[in-house]
Amino acid sequence: PGHNIGFVGNSRRSDLYNIDFTRS
């Protein structure tokens, strides 16, 4: 699905957000 990539926590680990299942 469509999504954005951001950083999470002090380790700056990348993660997904704004996940949209209606678009690829």
PDB file of all heavy atoms in Angstrom:
ATOM      1  N   PRO A   1       0.825  -1.215   0.000  1.00  0.00           N
ATOM      2  CA  PRO A   1       0.000   0.000   0.000  1.00  0.00           C
ATOM      3  C   PRO A   1       0.853   1.257   0.000  1.00  0.00           C
ATOM      4  O   PRO A   1       2.052   1.230   0.335  1.00  0.00           O
ATOM      5  CB  PRO A   1      -0.797  -0.135   1.303  1.00  0.00           C
ATOM      6  CG  PRO A   1       0.110  -0.913   2.205  1.00  0.00           C
ATOM      7  CD  PRO A   1       0.837  -1.882   1.314  1.00  0.00           C
ATOM      8  N   GLY A   2       0.217   2.351  -0.358  1.00  0.00           N
ATOM      9  CA  GLY A   2       0.899   3.627  -0.278  1.00  0.00           C
ATOM     10  C   GLY A   2       1.222   3.971   1.164  1.00  0.00           C
ATOM     11  O   GLY A   2       0.438   3.685   2.070  1.00  0.00           O
ATOM     12  N   HIS A   3       2.374   4.591   1.388  1.00  0.00           N
ATOM     13  CA  HIS A   3       2.779   4.921   2.755  1.00  0.00           C
ATOM     14  C   HIS A   3       3.903   5.935   2.722  1.00  0.00           C
ATOM     15  O   HIS A   3       4.496   6.218   1.676  1.00  0.00           O
ATOM     16  CB  HIS A   3       3.256   3.655   3.494  1.00  0.00           C
ATOM     17  CG  HIS A   3       4.445   2.997   2.865  1.00  0.00           C
ATOM     18  ND1 HIS A   3       4.322   2.017   1.895  1.00  0.00           N
ATOM     19  CD2 HIS A   3       5.776   3.180   3.048  1.00  0.00           C
ATOM     20  CE1 HIS A   3       5.527   1.623   1.513  1.00  0.00           C
ATOM     21  NE2 HIS A   3       6.428   2.310   2.191  1.00  0.00           N
ATOM     22  N   ASN A   4       4.179   6.489   3.887  1.00  0.00           N
ATOM     23  CA  ASN A   4       5.335   7.346   4.086  1.00  0.00           C
ATOM     24  C   ASN A   4       6.306   6.665   5.035  1.00  0.00           C
ATOM     25  O   ASN A   4       5.928   5.752   5.766  1.00  0.00           O
ATOM     26  CB  ASN A   4       4.922   8.708   4.645  1.00  0.00           C
ATOM     27  CG  ASN A   4       4.042   9.491   3.686  1.00  0.00           C
ATOM     28  OD1 ASN A   4       2.846   9.627   3.900  1.00  0.00           O
ATOM     29  ND2 ASN A   4       4.640   9.995   2.621  1.00  0.00           N
ATOM     30  N   ILE A   5       7.548   7.104   4.997  1.00  0.00           N
ATOM     31  CA  ILE A   5       8.593   6.529   5.849  1.00  0.00           C
ATOM     32  C   ILE A   5       9.106   7.591   6.804  1.00  0.00           C
ATOM     33  O   ILE A   5       9.432   8.712   6.385  1.00  0.00           O
ATOM     34  CB  ILE A   5       9.751   5.964   5.003  1.00  0.00           C
ATOM     35  CG1 ILE A   5       9.242   4.891   4.048  1.00  0.00           C
ATOM     36  CG2 ILE A   5      10.838   5.389   5.899  1.00  0.00           C
ATOM     37  CD1 ILE A   5      10.293   4.363   3.097  1.00  0.00           C
ATOM     38  N   GLY A   6       9.133   7.259   8.079  1.00  0.00           N
ATOM     39  CA  GLY A   6       9.654   8.174   9.090  1.00  0.00           C
ATOM     40  C   GLY A   6      10.582   7.454  10.039  1.00  0.00           C
ATOM     41  O   GLY A   6      10.872   6.261   9.879  1.00  0.00           O
ATOM     42  N   PHE A   7      11.068   8.174  11.057  1.00  0.00           N
ATOM     43  CA  PHE A   7      11.986   7.611  12.041  1.00  0.00           C
ATOM     44  C   PHE A   7      11.287   7.514  13.387  1.00  0.00           C
ATOM     45  O   PHE A   7      10.489   8.374  13.763  1.00  0.00           O
ATOM     46  CB  PHE A   7      13.244   8.467  12.162  1.00  0.00           C
ATOM     47  CG  PHE A   7      14.090   8.467  10.927  1.00  0.00           C
ATOM     48  CD1 PHE A   7      14.075   9.549  10.062  1.00  0.00           C
ATOM     49  CD2 PHE A   7      14.882   7.377  10.615  1.00  0.00           C
ATOM     50  CE1 PHE A   7      14.860   9.543   8.919  1.00  0.00           C
ATOM     51  CE2 PHE A   7      15.664   7.365   9.477  1.00  0.00           C
ATOM     52  CZ  PHE A   7      15.648   8.447   8.626  1.00  0.00           C
ATOM     53  N   VAL A   8      11.591   6.435  14.114  1.00  0.00           N
ATOM     54  CA  VAL A   8      10.939   6.152  15.379  1.00  0.00           C
ATOM     55  C   VAL A   8      11.990   6.004  16.472  1.00  0.00           C
ATOM     56  O   VAL A   8      13.006   5.315  16.275  1.00  0.00           O
ATOM     57  CB  VAL A   8      10.091   4.858  15.299  1.00  0.00           C
ATOM     58  CG1 VAL A   8       9.476   4.537  16.658  1.00  0.00           C
ATOM     59  CG2 VAL A   8       9.009   4.998  14.250  1.00  0.00           C
ATOM     60  N   GLY A   9      11.754   6.631  17.648  1.00  0.00           N
ATOM     61  CA  GLY A   9      12.592   6.427  18.824  1.00  0.00           C
ATOM     62  C   GLY A   9      13.966   7.039  18.713  1.00  0.00           C
ATOM     63  O   GLY A   9      14.344   7.665  17.711  1.00  0.00           O
ATOM     64  N   ASN A  10      14.732   6.847  19.788  1.00  0.00           N
ATOM     65  CA  ASN A  10      16.084   7.396  19.845  1.00  0.00           C
ATOM     66  C   ASN A  10      17.033   6.714  18.862  1.00  0.00           C
ATOM     67  O   ASN A  10      18.027   7.293  18.447  1.00  0.00           O
ATOM     68  CB  ASN A  10      16.639   7.253  21.266  1.00  0.00           C
ATOM     69  CG  ASN A  10      15.855   8.074  22.272  1.00  0.00           C
ATOM     70  OD1 ASN A  10      15.302   9.121  21.922  1.00  0.00           O
ATOM     71  ND2 ASN A  10      15.793   7.601  23.514  1.00  0.00           N
ATOM     72  N   SER A  11      16.697   5.468  18.488  1.00  0.00           N
ATOM     73  CA  SER A  11      17.551   4.745  17.544  1.00  0.00           C
ATOM     74  C   SER A  11      17.347   5.198  16.106  1.00  0.00           C
ATOM     75  O   SER A  11      18.083   4.782  15.226  1.00  0.00           O
ATOM     76  CB  SER A  11      17.268   3.244  17.647  1.00  0.00           C
ATOM     77  OG  SER A  11      15.919   2.960  17.263  1.00  0.00           O
ATOM     78  N   ARG A  12      16.348   6.051  15.925  1.00  0.00           N
ATOM     79  CA  ARG A  12      16.049   6.562  14.577  1.00  0.00           C
ATOM     80  C   ARG A  12      15.762   5.432  13.603  1.00  0.00           C
ATOM     81  O   ARG A  12      16.152   5.450  12.439  1.00  0.00           O
ATOM     82  CB  ARG A  12      17.203   7.428  14.048  1.00  0.00           C
ATOM     83  CG  ARG A  12      17.614   8.557  14.970  1.00  0.00           C
ATOM     84  CD  ARG A  12      16.520   9.586  15.098  1.00  0.00           C
ATOM     85  NE  ARG A  12      16.348  10.332  13.855  1.00  0.00           N
ATOM     86  CZ  ARG A  12      15.323  11.144  13.612  1.00  0.00           C
ATOM     87  NH1 ARG A  12      14.354  11.274  14.514  1.00  0.00           N
ATOM     88  NH2 ARG A  12      15.220  11.795  12.482  1.00  0.00           N
ATOM     89  N   ARG A  13      15.057   4.420  14.079  1.00  0.00           N
ATOM     90  CA  ARG A  13      14.670   3.299  13.227  1.00  0.00           C
ATOM     91  C   ARG A  13      13.551   3.737  12.283  1.00  0.00           C
ATOM     92  O   ARG A  13      12.601   4.395  12.686  1.00  0.00           O
ATOM     93  CB  ARG A  13      14.201   2.127  14.094  1.00  0.00           C
ATOM     94  CG  ARG A  13      13.684   0.924  13.305  1.00  0.00           C
ATOM     95  CD  ARG A  13      13.296  -0.196  14.255  1.00  0.00           C
ATOM     96  NE  ARG A  13      12.310   0.241  15.220  1.00  0.00           N
ATOM     97  CZ  ARG A  13      10.986   0.248  14.979  1.00  0.00           C
ATOM     98  NH1 ARG A  13      10.523  -0.157  13.802  1.00  0.00           N
ATOM     99  NH2 ARG A  13      10.142   0.645  15.911  1.00  0.00           N
ATOM    100  N   SER A  14      13.674   3.376  11.008  1.00  0.00           N
ATOM    101  CA  SER A  14      12.651   3.770  10.038  1.00  0.00           C
ATOM    102  C   SER A  14      11.393   2.929  10.223  1.00  0.00           C
ATOM    103  O   SER A  14      11.459   1.747  10.589  1.00  0.00           O
ATOM    104  CB  SER A  14      13.175   3.607   8.606  1.00  0.00           C
ATOM    105  OG  SER A  14      13.456   2.252   8.321  1.00  0.00           O
ATOM    106  N   ASP A  15      10.250   3.556   9.992  1.00  0.00           N
ATOM    107  CA  ASP A  15       8.978   2.853  10.111  1.00  0.00           C
ATOM    108  C   ASP A  15       7.980   3.489   9.158  1.00  0.00           C
ATOM    109  O   ASP A  15       8.218   4.565   8.597  1.00  0.00           O
ATOM    110  CB  ASP A  15       8.465   2.916  11.548  1.00  0.00           C
ATOM    111  CG  ASP A  15       7.484   1.788  11.852  1.00  0.00           C
ATOM    112  OD1 ASP A  15       7.208   0.997  10.928  1.00  0.00           O
ATOM    113  OD2 ASP A  15       6.998   1.704  12.986  1.00  0.00           O
ATOM    114  N   LEU A  16       6.848   2.805   8.967  1.00  0.00           N
ATOM    115  CA  LEU A  16       5.821   3.265   8.041  1.00  0.00           C
ATOM    116  C   LEU A  16       4.759   4.069   8.777  1.00  0.00           C
ATOM    117  O   LEU A  16       4.427   3.787   9.926  1.00  0.00           O
ATOM    118  CB  LEU A  16       5.160   2.070   7.354  1.00  0.00           C
ATOM    119  CG  LEU A  16       6.061   0.976   6.783  1.00  0.00           C
ATOM    120  CD1 LEU A  16       5.225  -0.088   6.104  1.00  0.00           C
ATOM    121  CD2 LEU A  16       7.078   1.543   5.826  1.00  0.00           C
ATOM    122  N   TYR A  17       4.194   5.065   8.081  1.00  0.00           N
ATOM    123  CA  TYR A  17       3.041   5.781   8.610  1.00  0.00           C
ATOM    124  C   TYR A  17       2.223   6.302   7.426  1.00  0.00           C
ATOM    125  O   TYR A  17       2.646   6.216   6.273  1.00  0.00           O
ATOM    126  CB  TYR A  17       3.471   6.919   9.544  1.00  0.00           C
ATOM    127  CG  TYR A  17       4.148   8.093   8.865  1.00  0.00           C
ATOM    128  CD1 TYR A  17       3.427   9.239   8.534  1.00  0.00           C
ATOM    129  CD2 TYR A  17       5.507   8.058   8.569  1.00  0.00           C
ATOM    130  CE1 TYR A  17       4.040  10.319   7.930  1.00  0.00           C
ATOM    131  CE2 TYR A  17       6.132   9.132   7.959  1.00  0.00           C
ATOM    132  CZ  TYR A  17       5.397  10.264   7.641  1.00  0.00           C
ATOM    133  OH  TYR A  17       6.000  11.319   7.034  1.00  0.00           O
ATOM    134  N   ASN A  18       1.031   6.825   7.731  1.00  0.00           N
ATOM    135  CA  ASN A  18       0.099   7.261   6.679  1.00  0.00           C
ATOM    136  C   ASN A  18      -0.153   6.145   5.657  1.00  0.00           C
ATOM    137  O   ASN A  18      -0.141   6.368   4.442  1.00  0.00           O
ATOM    138  CB  ASN A  18       0.616   8.506   5.960  1.00  0.00           C
ATOM    139  CG  ASN A  18       0.515   9.761   6.812  1.00  0.00           C
ATOM    140  OD1 ASN A  18      -0.200   9.776   7.821  1.00  0.00           O
ATOM    141  ND2 ASN A  18       1.219  10.807   6.435  1.00  0.00           N
ATOM    142  N   ILE A  19      -0.397   4.945   6.157  1.00  0.00           N
ATOM    143  CA  ILE A  19      -0.642   3.801   5.278  1.00  0.00           C
ATOM    144  C   ILE A  19      -2.025   3.926   4.657  1.00  0.00           C
ATOM    145  O   ILE A  19      -3.017   4.122   5.358  1.00  0.00           O
ATOM    146  CB  ILE A  19      -0.512   2.490   6.066  1.00  0.00           C
ATOM    147  CG1 ILE A  19       0.906   2.359   6.636  1.00  0.00           C
ATOM    148  CG2 ILE A  19      -0.841   1.290   5.188  1.00  0.00           C
ATOM    149  CD1 ILE A  19       1.067   1.216   7.610  1.00  0.00           C
ATOM    150  N   ASP A  20      -2.085   3.818   3.338  1.00  0.00           N
ATOM    151  CA  ASP A  20      -3.340   3.958   2.595  1.00  0.00           C
ATOM    152  C   ASP A  20      -3.541   2.708   1.735  1.00  0.00           C
ATOM    153  O   ASP A  20      -2.884   2.534   0.712  1.00  0.00           O
ATOM    154  CB  ASP A  20      -3.297   5.209   1.720  1.00  0.00           C
ATOM    155  CG  ASP A  20      -4.627   5.486   1.021  1.00  0.00           C
ATOM    156  OD1 ASP A  20      -5.554   4.661   1.153  1.00  0.00           O
ATOM    157  OD2 ASP A  20      -4.721   6.516   0.346  1.00  0.00           O
ATOM    158  N   PHE A  21      -4.474   1.841   2.169  1.00  0.00           N
ATOM    159  CA  PHE A  21      -4.707   0.584   1.450  1.00  0.00           C
ATOM    160  C   PHE A  21      -5.461   0.780   0.139  1.00  0.00           C
ATOM    161  O   PHE A  21      -5.554  -0.153  -0.658  1.00  0.00           O
ATOM    162  CB  PHE A  21      -5.484  -0.390   2.344  1.00  0.00           C
ATOM    163  CG  PHE A  21      -4.709  -0.870   3.533  1.00  0.00           C
ATOM    164  CD1 PHE A  21      -5.053  -0.465   4.815  1.00  0.00           C
ATOM    165  CD2 PHE A  21      -3.618  -1.710   3.383  1.00  0.00           C
ATOM    166  CE1 PHE A  21      -4.335  -0.897   5.909  1.00  0.00           C
ATOM    167  CE2 PHE A  21      -2.895  -2.153   4.474  1.00  0.00           C
ATOM    168  CZ  PHE A  21      -3.257  -1.739   5.746  1.00  0.00           C
ATOM    169  N   THR A  22      -5.997   1.979  -0.093  1.00  0.00           N
ATOM    170  CA  THR A  22      -6.761   2.222  -1.318  1.00  0.00           C
ATOM    171  C   THR A  22      -5.884   2.623  -2.494  1.00  0.00           C
ATOM    172  O   THR A  22      -6.371   2.757  -3.608  1.00  0.00           O
ATOM    173  CB  THR A  22      -7.813   3.311  -1.084  1.00  0.00           C
ATOM    174  OG1 THR A  22      -7.162   4.562  -0.791  1.00  0.00           O
ATOM    175  CG2 THR A  22      -8.738   2.932   0.063  1.00  0.00           C
ATOM    176  N   ARG A  23      -4.616   2.841  -2.245  1.00  0.00           N
ATOM    177  CA  ARG A  23      -3.672   3.156  -3.337  1.00  0.00           C
ATOM    178  C   ARG A  23      -2.417   2.320  -3.168  1.00  0.00           C
ATOM    179  O   ARG A  23      -2.054   1.940  -2.054  1.00  0.00           O
ATOM    180  CB  ARG A  23      -3.339   4.655  -3.372  1.00  0.00           C
ATOM    181  CG  ARG A  23      -2.608   5.157  -2.144  1.00  0.00           C
ATOM    182  CD  ARG A  23      -2.331   6.655  -2.253  1.00  0.00           C
ATOM    183  NE  ARG A  23      -1.625   7.149  -1.080  1.00  0.00           N
ATOM    184  CZ  ARG A  23      -0.307   7.152  -0.941  1.00  0.00           C
ATOM    185  NH1 ARG A  23       0.460   6.682  -1.932  1.00  0.00           N
ATOM    186  NH2 ARG A  23       0.263   7.616   0.151  1.00  0.00           N
ATOM    187  N   SER A  24      -1.785   2.048  -4.276  1.00  0.00           N
ATOM    188  CA  SER A  24      -0.587   1.209  -4.226  1.00  0.00           C
ATOM    189  C   SER A  24       0.648   2.066  -3.977  1.00  0.00           C
ATOM    190  O   SER A  24       0.615   3.294  -4.115  1.00  0.00           O
ATOM    191  CB  SER A  24      -0.431   0.445  -5.543  1.00  0.00           C
ATOM    192  OG  SER A  24      -0.251   1.352  -6.620  1.00  0.00           O
TER     193      SER A  24
END
